[in-house]
Amino acid sequence: MKRVLTVIVAAAALVAGPGSASADQEFNPIQQLFGFSNTYTGSGAGPIPRTTVNFEGNYPPGTIIVDTKERRLYLVQDGSRALRYGIGVGRDGFRWGGVHKITAKKEWPDWTPPSQMIARRPDLPRHMKGGPDNPLGARAMYLGSTLYRIHGSNEPETIGQAVSSGCFRMVNDDVIDLYSRVQVGATVIVKND
C-alpha cells in the first residue's frame, strides 16, 4: 500500500509540474492528480483557474471588484496584487453595476427563489435546503439589500458564462476560498461596462 501511495504522489508531482501550486496554496499531490481537495469533496478546479495577478487601482485590500464584461472577480491584496477568480455573470437583461457591501455570509445556504424568478420559472422549488444539490453551492455572500449574491455553484461549466439572473457564480472551491478571506462589511464594486 505504501508503494502504491508513493507512486501516486510521484505521478501527481509529474502531472503538476514545477511551480504549479500558487504561493498561497500548500501543494497537495492528491488534489493535483485527481482534481479534488481533501477538505471539501466539491467540484474541484473550475474552468478558469484562480490566480494572483498584478492589479492597479486605488482600492484598499479586501475590496472585491467584479468585472462582468471580463467575467472575473478580483480580491484586492496588498502590494498592487489581487486574487483573480473566474465567475459566471447575469445573462443579457440581468447584468447590473454599482457599489455594495457584503451584509451576510452563509455556509451551505438555503435557497428561496425570489418571486420574480418564480414568475419566470414556475417549475422551481419554493425553498431548498442547503447542500451539494443546492444552486447556491457551498457558500454565499449577500450584497446589501439586493437580491444578489456571490455564491458557489453545482454547475462549474457555467463559470465564464453569462447565464445567471444577476448573481455571481463561482466554483465551490473558489467560493470557499473567497469566503474565508473576506469579512461582512467588505466593499463590492460591480463594473458593468
C-alpha atoms as a PDB file:
ATOM      1  CA  MET A   1       0.000   0.000   0.000  1.00  0.00           C
ATOM      2  CA  LYS A   2       2.847   2.366   0.878  1.00  0.00           C
ATOM      3  CA  ARG A   3       4.422   1.687  -2.527  1.00  0.00           C
ATOM      4  CA  VAL A   4       1.135   2.460  -4.341  1.00  0.00           C
ATOM      5  CA  LEU A   5       0.783   5.766  -2.450  1.00  0.00           C
ATOM      6  CA  THR A   6       4.394   6.658  -3.301  1.00  0.00           C
ATOM      7  CA  VAL A   7       3.678   6.018  -6.992  1.00  0.00           C
ATOM      8  CA  ILE A   8       0.520   8.163  -6.827  1.00  0.00           C
ATOM      9  CA  VAL A   9       2.372  11.037  -5.142  1.00  0.00           C
ATOM     10  CA  ALA A  10       5.212  10.820  -7.678  1.00  0.00           C
ATOM     11  CA  ALA A  11       2.726  10.775 -10.578  1.00  0.00           C
ATOM     12  CA  ALA A  12       0.924  13.791  -9.116  1.00  0.00           C
ATOM     13  CA  ALA A  13       4.201  15.691  -8.897  1.00  0.00           C
ATOM     14  CA  LEU A  14       4.885  14.946 -12.569  1.00  0.00           C
ATOM     15  CA  VAL A  15       1.375  15.967 -13.633  1.00  0.00           C
ATOM     16  CA  ALA A  16       1.511  19.159 -11.577  1.00  0.00           C
ATOM     17  CA  GLY A  17       4.921  20.195 -12.871  1.00  0.00           C
ATOM     18  CA  PRO A  18       7.236  22.655 -11.156  1.00  0.00           C
ATOM     19  CA  GLY A  19       5.722  25.805  -9.730  1.00  0.00           C
ATOM     20  CA  SER A  20       2.112  24.863 -10.412  1.00  0.00           C
ATOM     21  CA  ALA A  21       0.988  25.394  -6.824  1.00  0.00           C
ATOM     22  CA  SER A  22       0.462  29.088  -6.082  1.00  0.00           C
ATOM     23  CA  ALA A  23       2.409  30.770  -3.304  1.00  0.00           C
ATOM     24  CA  ASP A  24      -0.638  30.894  -1.048  1.00  0.00           C
ATOM     25  CA  GLN A  25      -1.592  27.231  -1.525  1.00  0.00           C
ATOM     26  CA  GLU A  26       0.113  24.252   0.022  1.00  0.00           C
ATOM     27  CA  PHE A  27       0.974  21.546  -2.538  1.00  0.00           C
ATOM     28  CA  ASN A  28      -1.468  18.665  -2.275  1.00  0.00           C
ATOM     29  CA  PRO A  29      -0.482  15.859  -4.684  1.00  0.00           C
ATOM     30  CA  ILE A  30      -3.806  14.029  -4.356  1.00  0.00           C
ATOM     31  CA  GLN A  31      -5.690  17.213  -5.260  1.00  0.00           C
ATOM     32  CA  GLN A  32      -3.325  17.856  -8.183  1.00  0.00           C
ATOM     33  CA  LEU A  33      -3.749  14.310  -9.527  1.00  0.00           C
ATOM     34  CA  PHE A  34      -7.472  13.816  -9.053  1.00  0.00           C
ATOM     35  CA  GLY A  35      -8.759  17.420  -9.022  1.00  0.00           C
ATOM     36  CA  PHE A  36     -10.315  17.449  -5.561  1.00  0.00           C
ATOM     37  CA  SER A  37      -9.446  18.787  -2.142  1.00  0.00           C
ATOM     38  CA  ASN A  38      -9.195  16.575   0.910  1.00  0.00           C
ATOM     39  CA  THR A  39     -11.098  19.197   2.912  1.00  0.00           C
ATOM     40  CA  TYR A  40     -14.067  19.508   0.551  1.00  0.00           C
ATOM     41  CA  THR A  41     -15.382  16.975  -1.905  1.00  0.00           C
ATOM     42  CA  GLY A  42     -16.835  19.588  -4.241  1.00  0.00           C
ATOM     43  CA  SER A  43     -16.375  20.368  -7.878  1.00  0.00           C
ATOM     44  CA  GLY A  44     -12.596  20.706  -7.793  1.00  0.00           C
ATOM     45  CA  ALA A  45     -10.832  23.179 -10.012  1.00  0.00           C
ATOM     46  CA  GLY A  46     -13.047  25.178 -12.290  1.00  0.00           C
ATOM     47  CA  PRO A  47     -12.626  26.002 -15.964  1.00  0.00           C
ATOM     48  CA  ILE A  48     -10.884  29.303 -15.048  1.00  0.00           C
ATOM     49  CA  PRO A  49      -8.030  28.786 -12.583  1.00  0.00           C
ATOM     50  CA  ARG A  50      -7.717  31.056  -9.549  1.00  0.00           C
ATOM     51  CA  THR A  51      -4.506  33.059  -9.748  1.00  0.00           C
ATOM     52  CA  THR A  52      -2.636  36.001  -8.230  1.00  0.00           C
ATOM     53  CA  VAL A  53      -2.210  38.919 -10.650  1.00  0.00           C
ATOM     54  CA  ASN A  54      -0.836  42.450 -10.727  1.00  0.00           C
ATOM     55  CA  PHE A  55      -3.662  44.880 -10.045  1.00  0.00           C
ATOM     56  CA  GLU A  56      -3.545  48.649 -10.314  1.00  0.00           C
ATOM     57  CA  GLY A  57      -6.182  50.821  -8.717  1.00  0.00           C
ATOM     58  CA  ASN A  58      -6.820  52.924  -5.683  1.00  0.00           C
ATOM     59  CA  TYR A  59      -8.716  50.257  -3.730  1.00  0.00           C
ATOM     60  CA  PRO A  60      -7.918  49.145  -0.194  1.00  0.00           C
ATOM     61  CA  PRO A  61      -7.030  45.480   0.393  1.00  0.00           C
ATOM     62  CA  GLY A  62     -10.134  43.377   0.944  1.00  0.00           C
ATOM     63  CA  THR A  63     -12.163  45.201  -1.722  1.00  0.00           C
ATOM     64  CA  ILE A  64     -13.916  42.957  -4.240  1.00  0.00           C
ATOM     65  CA  ILE A  65     -14.045  44.140  -7.852  1.00  0.00           C
ATOM     66  CA  VAL A  66     -16.449  42.277 -10.141  1.00  0.00           C
ATOM     67  CA  ASP A  67     -15.807  42.823 -13.845  1.00  0.00           C
ATOM     68  CA  THR A  68     -18.902  41.480 -15.592  1.00  0.00           C
ATOM     69  CA  LYS A  69     -17.503  42.048 -19.093  1.00  0.00           C
ATOM     70  CA  GLU A  70     -14.336  40.133 -18.261  1.00  0.00           C
ATOM     71  CA  ARG A  71     -16.274  37.583 -16.147  1.00  0.00           C
ATOM     72  CA  ARG A  72     -13.707  37.787 -13.384  1.00  0.00           C
ATOM     73  CA  LEU A  73     -13.801  38.708  -9.706  1.00  0.00           C
ATOM     74  CA  TYR A  74     -10.765  40.353  -8.093  1.00  0.00           C
ATOM     75  CA  LEU A  75      -9.994  40.394  -4.382  1.00  0.00           C
ATOM     76  CA  VAL A  76      -7.577  43.288  -3.850  1.00  0.00           C
ATOM     77  CA  GLN A  77      -4.439  42.411  -1.879  1.00  0.00           C
ATOM     78  CA  ASP A  78      -1.507  44.459  -0.577  1.00  0.00           C
ATOM     79  CA  GLY A  79       1.266  45.478  -2.951  1.00  0.00           C
ATOM     80  CA  SER A  80      -0.725  46.131  -6.160  1.00  0.00           C
ATOM     81  CA  ARG A  81      -1.808  42.497  -6.322  1.00  0.00           C
ATOM     82  CA  ALA A  82      -5.176  40.746  -6.444  1.00  0.00           C
ATOM     83  CA  LEU A  83      -6.556  37.237  -6.409  1.00  0.00           C
ATOM     84  CA  ARG A  84      -8.449  36.681  -9.645  1.00  0.00           C
ATOM     85  CA  TYR A  85     -11.316  34.202  -9.833  1.00  0.00           C
ATOM     86  CA  GLY A  86     -13.469  33.097 -12.767  1.00  0.00           C
ATOM     87  CA  ILE A  87     -17.177  33.795 -12.336  1.00  0.00           C
ATOM     88  CA  GLY A  88     -20.488  33.323 -14.074  1.00  0.00           C
ATOM     89  CA  VAL A  89     -22.476  36.536 -14.517  1.00  0.00           C
ATOM     90  CA  GLY A  90     -26.002  37.671 -15.370  1.00  0.00           C
ATOM     91  CA  ARG A  91     -27.276  36.912 -18.832  1.00  0.00           C
ATOM     92  CA  ASP A  92     -28.464  39.711 -21.144  1.00  0.00           C
ATOM     93  CA  GLY A  93     -31.020  41.862 -19.366  1.00  0.00           C
ATOM     94  CA  PHE A  94     -29.831  40.736 -15.910  1.00  0.00           C
ATOM     95  CA  ARG A  95     -26.438  42.443 -15.647  1.00  0.00           C
ATOM     96  CA  TRP A  96     -26.080  45.310 -13.222  1.00  0.00           C
ATOM     97  CA  GLY A  97     -23.433  47.539 -11.679  1.00  0.00           C
ATOM     98  CA  GLY A  98     -22.862  49.555  -8.539  1.00  0.00           C
ATOM     99  CA  VAL A  99     -21.232  49.569  -5.144  1.00  0.00           C
ATOM    100  CA  HIS A 100     -22.481  47.438  -2.255  1.00  0.00           C
ATOM    101  CA  LYS A 101     -21.227  45.855   0.932  1.00  0.00           C
ATOM    102  CA  ILE A 102     -21.253  42.214   1.945  1.00  0.00           C
ATOM    103  CA  THR A 103     -24.037  42.195   4.538  1.00  0.00           C
ATOM    104  CA  ALA A 104     -24.097  38.482   5.386  1.00  0.00           C
ATOM    105  CA  LYS A 105     -22.131  35.287   4.813  1.00  0.00           C
ATOM    106  CA  LYS A 106     -23.601  31.780   4.946  1.00  0.00           C
ATOM    107  CA  GLU A 107     -22.183  28.284   4.669  1.00  0.00           C
ATOM    108  CA  TRP A 108     -24.294  25.815   2.669  1.00  0.00           C
ATOM    109  CA  PRO A 109     -27.101  28.378   2.405  1.00  0.00           C
ATOM    110  CA  ASP A 110     -30.746  27.524   1.892  1.00  0.00           C
ATOM    111  CA  TRP A 111     -32.261  28.879  -1.325  1.00  0.00           C
ATOM    112  CA  THR A 112     -35.634  30.563  -1.640  1.00  0.00           C
ATOM    113  CA  PRO A 113     -36.059  31.797  -5.223  1.00  0.00           C
ATOM    114  CA  PRO A 114     -37.395  35.373  -5.353  1.00  0.00           C
ATOM    115  CA  SER A 115     -40.916  35.902  -6.698  1.00  0.00           C
ATOM    116  CA  GLN A 116     -39.528  37.441  -9.917  1.00  0.00           C
ATOM    117  CA  MET A 117     -37.621  34.229 -10.635  1.00  0.00           C
ATOM    118  CA  ILE A 118     -40.623  32.037  -9.838  1.00  0.00           C
ATOM    119  CA  ALA A 119     -42.724  34.132 -12.219  1.00  0.00           C
ATOM    120  CA  ARG A 120     -40.223  33.310 -14.986  1.00  0.00           C
ATOM    121  CA  ARG A 121     -39.729  29.699 -13.895  1.00  0.00           C
ATOM    122  CA  PRO A 122     -42.833  28.310 -12.122  1.00  0.00           C
ATOM    123  CA  ASP A 123     -41.194  24.851 -12.065  1.00  0.00           C
ATOM    124  CA  LEU A 124     -38.628  25.977  -9.456  1.00  0.00           C
ATOM    125  CA  PRO A 125     -38.954  24.752  -5.874  1.00  0.00           C
ATOM    126  CA  ARG A 126     -40.269  27.347  -3.426  1.00  0.00           C
ATOM    127  CA  HIS A 127     -37.481  26.523  -0.960  1.00  0.00           C
ATOM    128  CA  MET A 128     -34.434  24.286  -0.999  1.00  0.00           C
ATOM    129  CA  LYS A 129     -32.257  23.302   1.958  1.00  0.00           C
ATOM    130  CA  GLY A 130     -28.527  23.919   1.670  1.00  0.00           C
ATOM    131  CA  GLY A 131     -26.323  21.104   0.409  1.00  0.00           C
ATOM    132  CA  PRO A 132     -24.411  19.827  -2.623  1.00  0.00           C
ATOM    133  CA  ASP A 133     -27.502  19.901  -4.881  1.00  0.00           C
ATOM    134  CA  ASN A 134     -28.456  23.466  -3.917  1.00  0.00           C
ATOM    135  CA  PRO A 135     -27.835  26.045  -6.702  1.00  0.00           C
ATOM    136  CA  LEU A 136     -26.141  28.422  -4.205  1.00  0.00           C
ATOM    137  CA  GLY A 137     -23.382  25.900  -3.630  1.00  0.00           C
ATOM    138  CA  ALA A 138     -21.070  25.736  -0.632  1.00  0.00           C
ATOM    139  CA  ARG A 139     -21.033  29.424   0.383  1.00  0.00           C
ATOM    140  CA  ALA A 140     -22.912  32.653  -0.266  1.00  0.00           C
ATOM    141  CA  MET A 141     -22.072  36.297   0.400  1.00  0.00           C
ATOM    142  CA  TYR A 142     -25.096  38.600   0.295  1.00  0.00           C
ATOM    143  CA  LEU A 143     -24.823  42.023  -1.352  1.00  0.00           C
ATOM    144  CA  GLY A 144     -26.561  44.835   0.523  1.00  0.00           C
ATOM    145  CA  SER A 145     -30.323  44.953   0.249  1.00  0.00           C
ATOM    146  CA  THR A 146     -30.248  43.484  -3.275  1.00  0.00           C
ATOM    147  CA  LEU A 147     -31.479  40.040  -4.251  1.00  0.00           C
ATOM    148  CA  TYR A 148     -27.965  39.265  -5.492  1.00  0.00           C
ATOM    149  CA  ARG A 149     -25.164  37.158  -4.045  1.00  0.00           C
ATOM    150  CA  ILE A 150     -21.692  35.936  -4.754  1.00  0.00           C
ATOM    151  CA  HIS A 151     -22.202  32.200  -4.374  1.00  0.00           C
ATOM    152  CA  GLY A 152     -20.967  28.763  -5.227  1.00  0.00           C
ATOM    153  CA  SER A 153     -22.406  26.631  -7.952  1.00  0.00           C
ATOM    154  CA  ASN A 154     -23.108  22.977  -8.579  1.00  0.00           C
ATOM    155  CA  GLU A 155     -22.699  23.743 -12.317  1.00  0.00           C
ATOM    156  CA  PRO A 156     -18.979  24.505 -12.808  1.00  0.00           C
ATOM    157  CA  GLU A 157     -19.447  24.530 -16.581  1.00  0.00           C
ATOM    158  CA  THR A 158     -21.325  27.864 -16.231  1.00  0.00           C
ATOM    159  CA  ILE A 159     -18.233  29.695 -14.928  1.00  0.00           C
ATOM    160  CA  GLY A 160     -17.082  32.213 -17.530  1.00  0.00           C
ATOM    161  CA  GLN A 161     -20.606  32.304 -18.975  1.00  0.00           C
ATOM    162  CA  ALA A 162     -23.477  34.809 -18.817  1.00  0.00           C
ATOM    163  CA  VAL A 163     -26.297  32.594 -17.543  1.00  0.00           C
ATOM    164  CA  SER A 164     -27.488  33.773 -14.122  1.00  0.00           C
ATOM    165  CA  SER A 165     -30.325  36.046 -13.058  1.00  0.00           C
ATOM    166  CA  GLY A 166     -27.822  38.611 -11.769  1.00  0.00           C
ATOM    167  CA  CYS A 167     -25.864  36.719  -9.113  1.00  0.00           C
ATOM    168  CA  PHE A 168     -22.161  35.954  -9.466  1.00  0.00           C
ATOM    169  CA  ARG A 169     -21.350  32.234  -9.518  1.00  0.00           C
ATOM    170  CA  MET A 170     -18.062  30.619  -8.625  1.00  0.00           C
ATOM    171  CA  VAL A 171     -16.945  27.012  -8.449  1.00  0.00           C
ATOM    172  CA  ASN A 172     -17.356  25.780  -4.888  1.00  0.00           C
ATOM    173  CA  ASP A 173     -13.617  25.539  -4.194  1.00  0.00           C
ATOM    174  CA  ASP A 174     -13.177  29.187  -5.237  1.00  0.00           C
ATOM    175  CA  VAL A 175     -16.158  30.489  -3.277  1.00  0.00           C
ATOM    176  CA  ILE A 176     -14.908  28.659  -0.169  1.00  0.00           C
ATOM    177  CA  ASP A 177     -11.520  30.343  -0.647  1.00  0.00           C
ATOM    178  CA  LEU A 178     -13.047  33.810  -1.157  1.00  0.00           C
ATOM    179  CA  TYR A 179     -15.438  33.331   1.777  1.00  0.00           C
ATOM    180  CA  SER A 180     -12.508  32.584   4.089  1.00  0.00           C
ATOM    181  CA  ARG A 181     -10.726  35.792   3.030  1.00  0.00           C
ATOM    182  CA  VAL A 182     -13.487  38.433   3.203  1.00  0.00           C
ATOM    183  CA  GLN A 183     -15.457  39.910   6.061  1.00  0.00           C
ATOM    184  CA  VAL A 184     -19.005  41.185   6.411  1.00  0.00           C
ATOM    185  CA  GLY A 185     -18.762  44.875   5.535  1.00  0.00           C
ATOM    186  CA  ALA A 186     -16.311  44.375   2.654  1.00  0.00           C
ATOM    187  CA  THR A 187     -16.932  46.678  -0.311  1.00  0.00           C
ATOM    188  CA  VAL A 188     -18.039  45.066  -3.588  1.00  0.00           C
ATOM    189  CA  ILE A 189     -17.723  47.151  -6.764  1.00  0.00           C
ATOM    190  CA  VAL A 190     -19.577  45.726  -9.753  1.00  0.00           C
ATOM    191  CA  LYS A 191     -18.393  47.075 -13.109  1.00  0.00           C
ATOM    192  CA  ASN A 192     -20.786  46.547 -15.967  1.00  0.00           C
ATOM    193  CA  ASP A 193     -19.196  48.263 -18.947  1.00  0.00           C
END
